[in-house]
PDB file of N, CA and C in Angstrom:
ATOM      1  N   UNK A   1      96.900 101.925 175.519  1.00  0.00           N
ATOM      2  CA  UNK A   1      97.906 102.349 175.871  1.00  0.00           C
ATOM      3  C   UNK A   1      98.468 101.732 177.373  1.00  0.00           C
ATOM      4  N   UNK A   2      99.379 102.079 177.983  1.00  0.00           N
ATOM      5  CA  UNK A   2      99.859 101.469 178.814  1.00  0.00           C
ATOM      6  C   UNK A   2      99.458 101.835 180.255  1.00  0.00           C
ATOM      7  N   UNK A   3      98.368 103.029 180.666  1.00  0.00           N
ATOM      8  CA  UNK A   3      98.242 103.552 181.589  1.00  0.00           C
ATOM      9  C   UNK A   3      96.571 102.999 181.370  1.00  0.00           C
ATOM     10  N   UNK A   4      95.803 102.821 180.107  1.00  0.00           N
ATOM     11  CA  UNK A   4      94.349 101.620 180.160  1.00  0.00           C
ATOM     12  C   UNK A   4      94.776 100.177 180.769  1.00  0.00           C
ATOM     13  N   UNK A   5      95.719  99.787 180.309  1.00  0.00           N
ATOM     14  CA  UNK A   5      96.428  98.036 180.520  1.00  0.00           C
ATOM     15  C   UNK A   5      96.605  98.364 181.983  1.00  0.00           C
ATOM     16  N   UNK A   6      97.379  99.478 182.390  1.00  0.00           N
ATOM     17  CA  UNK A   6      97.266  99.145 184.035  1.00  0.00           C
ATOM     18  C   UNK A   6      96.127  99.501 184.649  1.00  0.00           C
ATOM     19  N   UNK A   7      94.938 100.384 184.588  1.00  0.00           N
ATOM     20  CA  UNK A   7      93.847 100.400 184.934  1.00  0.00           C
ATOM     21  C   UNK A   7      93.259  99.199 184.803  1.00  0.00           C
ATOM     22  N   UNK A   8      93.051  98.211 184.018  1.00  0.00           N
ATOM     23  CA  UNK A   8      92.729  97.236 183.638  1.00  0.00           C
ATOM     24  C   UNK A   8      92.919  95.827 184.482  1.00  0.00           C
ATOM     25  N   UNK A   9      94.297  95.451 184.767  1.00  0.00           N
ATOM     26  CA  UNK A   9      95.108  94.859 185.650  1.00  0.00           C
ATOM     27  C   UNK A   9      94.733  94.761 187.247  1.00  0.00           C
ATOM     28  N   UNK A  10      94.613  96.681 187.349  1.00  0.00           N
ATOM     29  CA  UNK A  10      94.200  96.827 188.831  1.00  0.00           C
ATOM     30  C   UNK A  10      92.482  95.878 188.889  1.00  0.00           C
ATOM     31  N   UNK A  11      91.644  96.423 188.237  1.00  0.00           N
ATOM     32  CA  UNK A  11      90.414  95.939 187.958  1.00  0.00           C
ATOM     33  C   UNK A  11      90.461  94.321 188.076  1.00  0.00           C
ATOM     34  N   UNK A  12      91.358  93.769 187.191  1.00  0.00           N
ATOM     35  CA  UNK A  12      91.207  92.445 186.980  1.00  0.00           C
ATOM     36  C   UNK A  12      91.575  91.713 188.188  1.00  0.00           C
ATOM     37  N   UNK A  13      92.817  92.224 188.929  1.00  0.00           N
ATOM     38  CA  UNK A  13      93.241  91.597 190.006  1.00  0.00           C
ATOM     39  C   UNK A  13      92.272  90.789 191.219  1.00  0.00           C
ATOM     40  N   UNK A  14      91.173  92.064 191.159  1.00  0.00           N
ATOM     41  CA  UNK A  14      90.258  91.769 192.134  1.00  0.00           C
ATOM     42  C   UNK A  14      88.927  90.579 191.887  1.00  0.00           C
ATOM     43  N   UNK A  15      89.136  90.527 190.608  1.00  0.00           N
ATOM     44  CA  UNK A  15      88.264  89.584 189.909  1.00  0.00           C
ATOM     45  C   UNK A  15      88.297  87.787 190.241  1.00  0.00           C
ATOM     46  N   UNK A  16      87.249  87.344 190.627  1.00  0.00           N
ATOM     47  CA  UNK A  16      87.610  85.724 190.252  1.00  0.00           C
ATOM     48  C   UNK A  16      87.649  84.879 189.218  1.00  0.00           C
ATOM     49  N   UNK A  17      88.253  83.691 188.781  1.00  0.00           N
ATOM     50  CA  UNK A  17      87.854  83.427 187.634  1.00  0.00           C
ATOM     51  C   UNK A  17      86.981  82.665 187.492  1.00  0.00           C
ATOM     52  N   UNK A  18      86.064  83.120 185.727  1.00  0.00           N
ATOM     53  CA  UNK A  18      84.842  82.997 185.667  1.00  0.00           C
ATOM     54  C   UNK A  18      85.081  81.593 184.731  1.00  0.00           C
ATOM     55  N   UNK A  19      86.329  81.046 184.317  1.00  0.00           N
ATOM     56  CA  UNK A  19      86.485  79.822 183.487  1.00  0.00           C
ATOM     57  C   UNK A  19      87.676  79.283 183.534  1.00  0.00           C
ATOM     58  N   UNK A  20      87.547  78.308 183.218  1.00  0.00           N
ATOM     59  CA  UNK A  20      88.590  77.437 183.611  1.00  0.00           C
ATOM     60  C   UNK A  20      88.781  76.651 182.018  1.00  0.00           C
ATOM     61  N   UNK A  21      90.240  76.460 181.914  1.00  0.00           N
ATOM     62  CA  UNK A  21      90.545  75.649 180.292  1.00  0.00           C
ATOM     63  C   UNK A  21      91.419  74.312 180.999  1.00  0.00           C
ATOM     64  N   UNK A  22      90.853  73.303 180.499  1.00  0.00           N
ATOM     65  CA  UNK A  22      91.380  72.072 181.051  1.00  0.00           C
ATOM     66  C   UNK A  22      91.786  71.390 180.303  1.00  0.00           C
ATOM     67  N   UNK A  23      92.182  69.711 179.997  1.00  0.00           N
ATOM     68  CA  UNK A  23      92.761  68.793 179.460  1.00  0.00           C
ATOM     69  C   UNK A  23      92.206  69.072 177.937  1.00  0.00           C
ATOM     70  N   UNK A  24      91.021  69.655 177.592  1.00  0.00           N
ATOM     71  CA  UNK A  24      90.714  69.370 176.232  1.00  0.00           C
ATOM     72  C   UNK A  24      91.127  70.628 175.479  1.00  0.00           C
ATOM     73  N   UNK A  25      91.916  71.912 175.965  1.00  0.00           N
ATOM     74  CA  UNK A  25      92.463  73.228 175.604  1.00  0.00           C
ATOM     75  C   UNK A  25      91.219  74.028 175.254  1.00  0.00           C
ATOM     76  N   UNK A  26      91.450  74.720 174.078  1.00  0.00           N
ATOM     77  CA  UNK A  26      90.741  76.031 173.481  1.00  0.00           C
ATOM     78  C   UNK A  26      89.496  74.913 172.454  1.00  0.00           C
ATOM     79  N   UNK A  27      88.334  74.806 172.868  1.00  0.00           N
ATOM     80  CA  UNK A  27      87.036  74.460 171.823  1.00  0.00           C
ATOM     81  C   UNK A  27      86.441  75.612 171.413  1.00  0.00           C
ATOM     82  N   UNK A  28      85.654  75.101 170.448  1.00  0.00           N
ATOM     83  CA  UNK A  28      84.789  76.021 169.728  1.00  0.00           C
ATOM     84  C   UNK A  28      83.568  76.447 171.125  1.00  0.00           C
ATOM     85  N   UNK A  29      83.289  75.587 171.762  1.00  0.00           N
ATOM     86  CA  UNK A  29      82.367  75.794 172.935  1.00  0.00           C
ATOM     87  C   UNK A  29      83.181  76.621 173.751  1.00  0.00           C
ATOM     88  N   UNK A  30      84.092  76.852 173.893  1.00  0.00           N
ATOM     89  CA  UNK A  30      85.052  77.438 174.946  1.00  0.00           C
ATOM     90  C   UNK A  30      85.116  78.684 174.432  1.00  0.00           C
ATOM     91  N   UNK A  31      85.431  78.919 173.196  1.00  0.00           N
ATOM     92  CA  UNK A  31      85.494  80.335 172.496  1.00  0.00           C
ATOM     93  C   UNK A  31      83.925  80.892 172.529  1.00  0.00           C
ATOM     94  N   UNK A  32      82.829  79.862 172.187  1.00  0.00           N
ATOM     95  CA  UNK A  32      81.468  80.733 172.532  1.00  0.00           C
ATOM     96  C   UNK A  32      81.391  81.117 174.144  1.00  0.00           C
ATOM     97  N   UNK A  33      81.575  80.390 175.045  1.00  0.00           N
ATOM     98  CA  UNK A  33      81.326  80.893 176.119  1.00  0.00           C
ATOM     99  C   UNK A  33      82.075  81.936 176.323  1.00  0.00           C
ATOM    100  N   UNK A  34      83.294  82.517 175.997  1.00  0.00           N
ATOM    101  CA  UNK A  34      84.417  83.137 176.319  1.00  0.00           C
ATOM    102  C   UNK A  34      83.615  84.532 176.201  1.00  0.00           C
ATOM    103  N   UNK A  35      83.386  84.420 174.234  1.00  0.00           N
ATOM    104  CA  UNK A  35      82.779  85.199 173.855  1.00  0.00           C
ATOM    105  C   UNK A  35      81.453  86.300 174.221  1.00  0.00           C
ATOM    106  N   UNK A  36      80.613  85.088 175.099  1.00  0.00           N
ATOM    107  CA  UNK A  36      79.541  85.451 175.860  1.00  0.00           C
ATOM    108  C   UNK A  36      79.443  86.011 177.389  1.00  0.00           C
ATOM    109  N   UNK A  37      80.747  85.439 177.616  1.00  0.00           N
ATOM    110  CA  UNK A  37      81.030  85.926 178.886  1.00  0.00           C
ATOM    111  C   UNK A  37      81.732  88.041 178.771  1.00  0.00           C
ATOM    112  N   UNK A  38      82.370  87.862 177.649  1.00  0.00           N
ATOM    113  CA  UNK A  38      83.076  89.014 177.449  1.00  0.00           C
ATOM    114  C   UNK A  38      81.845  90.323 177.250  1.00  0.00           C
ATOM    115  N   UNK A  39      80.901  89.798 176.249  1.00  0.00           N
ATOM    116  CA  UNK A  39      79.780  90.727 176.142  1.00  0.00           C
ATOM    117  C   UNK A  39      78.972  90.829 177.576  1.00  0.00           C
ATOM    118  N   UNK A  40      79.139  90.170 177.982  1.00  0.00           N
ATOM    119  CA  UNK A  40      78.147  90.728 179.675  1.00  0.00           C
ATOM    120  C   UNK A  40      78.886  91.333 180.561  1.00  0.00           C
ATOM    121  N   UNK A  41      80.701  90.755 180.672  1.00  0.00           N
ATOM    122  CA  UNK A  41      81.412  91.610 181.749  1.00  0.00           C
ATOM    123  C   UNK A  41      82.462  92.432 181.050  1.00  0.00           C
ATOM    124  N   UNK A  42      82.585  92.594 180.178  1.00  0.00           N
ATOM    125  CA  UNK A  42      83.870  92.875 179.648  1.00  0.00           C
ATOM    126  C   UNK A  42      85.377  92.945 179.984  1.00  0.00           C
ATOM    127  N   UNK A  43      85.544  92.440 180.797  1.00  0.00           N
ATOM    128  CA  UNK A  43      86.971  92.044 181.538  1.00  0.00           C
ATOM    129  C   UNK A  43      86.885  90.704 182.372  1.00  0.00           C
ATOM    130  N   UNK A  44      87.658  90.014 182.075  1.00  0.00           N
ATOM    131  CA  UNK A  44      86.969  88.293 182.489  1.00  0.00           C
ATOM    132  C   UNK A  44      88.350  87.851 182.881  1.00  0.00           C
ATOM    133  N   UNK A  45      88.619  86.667 184.028  1.00  0.00           N
ATOM    134  CA  UNK A  45      89.844  86.450 184.270  1.00  0.00           C
ATOM    135  C   UNK A  45      89.659  84.683 183.923  1.00  0.00           C
ATOM    136  N   UNK A  46      90.682  83.977 183.530  1.00  0.00           N
ATOM    137  CA  UNK A  46      90.442  82.858 183.050  1.00  0.00           C
ATOM    138  C   UNK A  46      91.590  81.940 183.502  1.00  0.00           C
ATOM    139  N   UNK A  47      91.416  80.433 184.323  1.00  0.00           N
ATOM    140  CA  UNK A  47      92.744  80.113 184.661  1.00  0.00           C
ATOM    141  C   UNK A  47      92.674  78.492 183.683  1.00  0.00           C
ATOM    142  N   UNK A  48      93.759  78.841 183.531  1.00  0.00           N
ATOM    143  CA  UNK A  48      94.198  77.592 182.816  1.00  0.00           C
ATOM    144  C   UNK A  48      95.205  76.493 183.462  1.00  0.00           C
ATOM    145  N   UNK A  49      94.222  75.360 183.681  1.00  0.00           N
ATOM    146  CA  UNK A  49      94.789  73.957 184.252  1.00  0.00           C
ATOM    147  C   UNK A  49      96.530  73.724 184.107  1.00  0.00           C
ATOM    148  N   UNK A  50      96.706  73.162 185.213  1.00  0.00           N
ATOM    149  CA  UNK A  50      97.623  71.862 184.910  1.00  0.00           C
ATOM    150  C   UNK A  50      97.730  70.824 183.365  1.00  0.00           C
ATOM    151  N   UNK A  51      96.355  70.527 183.603  1.00  0.00           N
ATOM    152  CA  UNK A  51      96.194  69.696 182.493  1.00  0.00           C
ATOM    153  C   UNK A  51      96.090  69.674 181.108  1.00  0.00           C
ATOM    154  N   UNK A  52      96.177  71.326 180.792  1.00  0.00           N
ATOM    155  CA  UNK A  52      95.647  71.829 179.585  1.00  0.00           C
ATOM    156  C   UNK A  52      97.012  71.521 178.758  1.00  0.00           C
ATOM    157  N   UNK A  53      96.890  71.269 177.420  1.00  0.00           N
ATOM    158  CA  UNK A  53      97.937  71.062 176.776  1.00  0.00           C
ATOM    159  C   UNK A  53      98.897  72.129 176.446  1.00  0.00           C
ATOM    160  N   UNK A  54      98.160  73.500 176.190  1.00  0.00           N
ATOM    161  CA  UNK A  54      98.839  74.988 175.926  1.00  0.00           C
ATOM    162  C   UNK A  54      99.017  75.606 177.296  1.00  0.00           C
ATOM    163  N   UNK A  55     100.467  76.210 176.991  1.00  0.00           N
ATOM    164  CA  UNK A  55     100.372  77.232 178.152  1.00  0.00           C
ATOM    165  C   UNK A  55      99.770  78.574 178.435  1.00  0.00           C
ATOM    166  N   UNK A  56      99.690  79.176 179.388  1.00  0.00           N
ATOM    167  CA  UNK A  56      98.740  80.588 179.449  1.00  0.00           C
ATOM    168  C   UNK A  56      98.946  81.567 178.680  1.00  0.00           C
ATOM    169  N   UNK A  57     100.280  82.058 177.944  1.00  0.00           N
ATOM    170  CA  UNK A  57     100.682  82.767 177.081  1.00  0.00           C
ATOM    171  C   UNK A  57     100.105  82.099 175.835  1.00  0.00           C
ATOM    172  N   UNK A  58      99.983  81.312 175.380  1.00  0.00           N
ATOM    173  CA  UNK A  58      99.294  80.507 174.129  1.00  0.00           C
ATOM    174  C   UNK A  58      98.316  80.476 173.952  1.00  0.00           C
ATOM    175  N   UNK A  59      97.285  80.080 175.136  1.00  0.00           N
ATOM    176  CA  UNK A  59      96.250  80.220 175.497  1.00  0.00           C
ATOM    177  C   UNK A  59      95.523  81.953 175.407  1.00  0.00           C
ATOM    178  N   UNK A  60      96.120  82.713 175.677  1.00  0.00           N
ATOM    179  CA  UNK A  60      95.814  83.975 175.342  1.00  0.00           C
ATOM    180  C   UNK A  60      95.829  84.517 174.058  1.00  0.00           C
ATOM    181  N   UNK A  61      97.148  84.154 173.576  1.00  0.00           N
ATOM    182  CA  UNK A  61      97.224  84.547 171.941  1.00  0.00           C
ATOM    183  C   UNK A  61      96.093  83.843 171.338  1.00  0.00           C
ATOM    184  N   UNK A  62      95.915  82.692 171.294  1.00  0.00           N
ATOM    185  CA  UNK A  62      94.969  82.238 170.530  1.00  0.00           C
ATOM    186  C   UNK A  62      93.206  82.338 170.382  1.00  0.00           C
ATOM    187  N   UNK A  63      93.379  83.022 171.812  1.00  0.00           N
ATOM    188  CA  UNK A  63      92.173  83.553 172.409  1.00  0.00           C
ATOM    189  C   UNK A  63      91.711  84.811 171.852  1.00  0.00           C
ATOM    190  N   UNK A  64      92.740  85.766 171.930  1.00  0.00           N
ATOM    191  CA  UNK A  64      92.553  87.289 171.623  1.00  0.00           C
ATOM    192  C   UNK A  64      92.346  87.277 169.888  1.00  0.00           C
ATOM    193  N   UNK A  65      93.366  86.025 169.196  1.00  0.00           N
ATOM    194  CA  UNK A  65      93.210  86.149 167.906  1.00  0.00           C
ATOM    195  C   UNK A  65      91.372  85.266 167.288  1.00  0.00           C
ATOM    196  N   UNK A  66      91.162  84.492 168.380  1.00  0.00           N
ATOM    197  CA  UNK A  66      89.701  84.128 167.601  1.00  0.00           C
ATOM    198  C   UNK A  66      88.583  85.049 168.056  1.00  0.00           C
ATOM    199  N   UNK A  67      88.932  85.425 169.317  1.00  0.00           N
ATOM    200  CA  UNK A  67      87.710  86.186 169.792  1.00  0.00           C
ATOM    201  C   UNK A  67      87.755  87.413 169.462  1.00  0.00           C
ATOM    202  N   UNK A  68      88.410  88.274 169.009  1.00  0.00           N
ATOM    203  CA  UNK A  68      88.824  89.749 169.030  1.00  0.00           C
ATOM    204  C   UNK A  68      88.949  90.396 170.095  1.00  0.00           C
ATOM    205  N   UNK A  69      89.279  89.668 171.083  1.00  0.00           N
ATOM    206  CA  UNK A  69      89.718  90.335 172.437  1.00  0.00           C
ATOM    207  C   UNK A  69      91.242  90.915 172.594  1.00  0.00           C
ATOM    208  N   UNK A  70      91.367  92.006 173.620  1.00  0.00           N
ATOM    209  CA  UNK A  70      92.802  92.114 173.720  1.00  0.00           C
ATOM    210  C   UNK A  70      93.525  91.408 175.095  1.00  0.00           C
ATOM    211  N   UNK A  71      94.795  91.267 174.986  1.00  0.00           N
ATOM    212  CA  UNK A  71      95.330  90.787 176.074  1.00  0.00           C
ATOM    213  C   UNK A  71      95.558  91.660 177.292  1.00  0.00           C
ATOM    214  N   UNK A  72      95.081  91.850 178.849  1.00  0.00           N
ATOM    215  CA  UNK A  72      95.405  92.332 179.698  1.00  0.00           C
ATOM    216  C   UNK A  72      96.852  91.938 180.663  1.00  0.00           C
ATOM    217  N   UNK A  73      97.101  90.909 181.087  1.00  0.00           N
ATOM    218  CA  UNK A  73      97.505  90.450 181.734  1.00  0.00           C
ATOM    219  C   UNK A  73      97.513  88.751 181.344  1.00  0.00           C
ATOM    220  N   UNK A  74      98.791  88.278 181.654  1.00  0.00           N
ATOM    221  CA  UNK A  74      98.819  86.379 181.891  1.00  0.00           C
ATOM    222  C   UNK A  74     100.246  86.331 183.023  1.00  0.00           C
ATOM    223  N   UNK A  75      99.937  86.114 184.071  1.00  0.00           N
ATOM    224  CA  UNK A  75     100.822  85.524 185.101  1.00  0.00           C
ATOM    225  C   UNK A  75     100.715  83.888 185.878  1.00  0.00           C
ATOM    226  N   UNK A  76     101.543  83.403 185.748  1.00  0.00           N
ATOM    227  CA  UNK A  76     101.293  81.992 185.828  1.00  0.00           C
ATOM    228  C   UNK A  76     100.148  81.325 184.931  1.00  0.00           C
ATOM    229  N   UNK A  77      99.005  80.760 185.744  1.00  0.00           N
ATOM    230  CA  UNK A  77      97.941  80.156 184.918  1.00  0.00           C
ATOM    231  C   UNK A  77      96.843  81.189 185.103  1.00  0.00           C
ATOM    232  N   UNK A  78      97.041  81.996 185.131  1.00  0.00           N
ATOM    233  CA  UNK A  78      95.796  83.469 185.160  1.00  0.00           C
ATOM    234  C   UNK A  78      95.972  84.053 184.091  1.00  0.00           C
ATOM    235  N   UNK A  79      94.850  84.405 183.221  1.00  0.00           N
ATOM    236  CA  UNK A  79      95.040  85.048 181.968  1.00  0.00           C
ATOM    237  C   UNK A  79      93.794  86.061 182.101  1.00  0.00           C
ATOM    238  N   UNK A  80      93.751  87.638 181.965  1.00  0.00           N
ATOM    239  CA  UNK A  80      92.948  88.501 181.838  1.00  0.00           C
ATOM    240  C   UNK A  80      92.532  88.851 180.678  1.00  0.00           C
ATOM    241  N   UNK A  81      91.651  89.188 180.144  1.00  0.00           N
ATOM    242  CA  UNK A  81      91.298  89.695 178.437  1.00  0.00           C
ATOM    243  C   UNK A  81      90.196  90.599 178.856  1.00  0.00           C
ATOM    244  N   UNK A  82      90.300  91.659 177.612  1.00  0.00           N
ATOM    245  CA  UNK A  82      88.974  92.690 177.666  1.00  0.00           C
ATOM    246  C   UNK A  82      88.474  92.613 176.381  1.00  0.00           C
ATOM    247  N   UNK A  83      87.082  93.249 176.222  1.00  0.00           N
ATOM    248  CA  UNK A  83      86.678  93.465 175.104  1.00  0.00           C
ATOM    249  C   UNK A  83      85.301  94.405 175.436  1.00  0.00           C
ATOM    250  N   UNK A  84      85.478  95.512 174.432  1.00  0.00           N
ATOM    251  CA  UNK A  84      84.357  96.431 174.602  1.00  0.00           C
ATOM    252  C   UNK A  84      82.793  95.708 174.214  1.00  0.00           C
ATOM    253  N   UNK A  85      81.785  95.613 175.168  1.00  0.00           N
ATOM    254  CA  UNK A  85      80.785  94.972 175.040  1.00  0.00           C
ATOM    255  C   UNK A  85      79.510  96.234 173.964  1.00  0.00           C
ATOM    256  N   UNK A  86      79.046  95.512 173.263  1.00  0.00           N
ATOM    257  CA  UNK A  86      78.036  96.304 172.240  1.00  0.00           C
ATOM    258  C   UNK A  86      77.018  95.976 172.697  1.00  0.00           C
ATOM    259  N   UNK A  87      76.503  96.007 174.032  1.00  0.00           N
ATOM    260  CA  UNK A  87      75.251  96.043 174.600  1.00  0.00           C
ATOM    261  C   UNK A  87      74.837  97.586 174.563  1.00  0.00           C
ATOM    262  N   UNK A  88      73.557  97.444 174.289  1.00  0.00           N
ATOM    263  CA  UNK A  88      72.808  99.016 174.989  1.00  0.00           C
ATOM    264  C   UNK A  88      72.768  99.254 176.054  1.00  0.00           C
ATOM    265  N   UNK A  89      72.893 100.679 176.771  1.00  0.00           N
ATOM    266  CA  UNK A  89      72.630 100.505 178.294  1.00  0.00           C
ATOM    267  C   UNK A  89      73.275 100.139 179.065  1.00  0.00           C
ATOM    268  N   UNK A  90      74.572  99.773 178.786  1.00  0.00           N
ATOM    269  CA  UNK A  90      75.312  98.897 179.518  1.00  0.00           C
ATOM    270  C   UNK A  90      76.485  99.729 179.877  1.00  0.00           C
ATOM    271  N   UNK A  91      76.717  99.604 181.486  1.00  0.00           N
ATOM    272  CA  UNK A  91      77.792 100.484 181.796  1.00  0.00           C
ATOM    273  C   UNK A  91      79.125  99.851 181.988  1.00  0.00           C
ATOM    274  N   UNK A  92      79.410 100.620 180.938  1.00  0.00           N
ATOM    275  CA  UNK A  92      80.976 100.353 180.228  1.00  0.00           C
ATOM    276  C   UNK A  92      82.358 100.539 181.033  1.00  0.00           C
ATOM    277  N   UNK A  93      83.151 100.019 181.081  1.00  0.00           N
ATOM    278  CA  UNK A  93      84.555 100.246 181.766  1.00  0.00           C
ATOM    279  C   UNK A  93      85.173 101.792 181.371  1.00  0.00           C
ATOM    280  N   UNK A  94      85.274 102.312 182.344  1.00  0.00           N
ATOM    281  CA  UNK A  94      85.984 103.826 181.836  1.00  0.00           C
ATOM    282  C   UNK A  94      87.368 103.354 181.485  1.00  0.00           C
ATOM    283  N   UNK A  95      87.558 103.700 180.408  1.00  0.00           N
ATOM    284  CA  UNK A  95      89.339 103.722 180.307  1.00  0.00           C
ATOM    285  C   UNK A  95      89.924 104.994 180.518  1.00  0.00           C
ATOM    286  N   UNK A  96      91.259 105.406 180.740  1.00  0.00           N
ATOM    287  CA  UNK A  96      91.524 106.228 181.318  1.00  0.00           C
ATOM    288  C   UNK A  96      92.027 107.079 179.763  1.00  0.00           C
TER     289      UNK A  96
END
């Protein structure tokens, strides 16, 4: 919902980027790494470098389709995505 997305945006603003997408764009290795990061953190921020052949919005769309995550926010070269972790005993992000 809109309230949930706003809550996740608020949490995402305080995050540092945990991954960068560069001149090679999105590769299978980057999909695997992002899946692992989402499993460990649920909410991540990704920086799309100027050398990337795709724009941040395109990266977000492809990423969400391939990994199965939800887009939270795309501003400039920053992308924030969310996916519920399947880990047991993990403190999940509380959605309103």
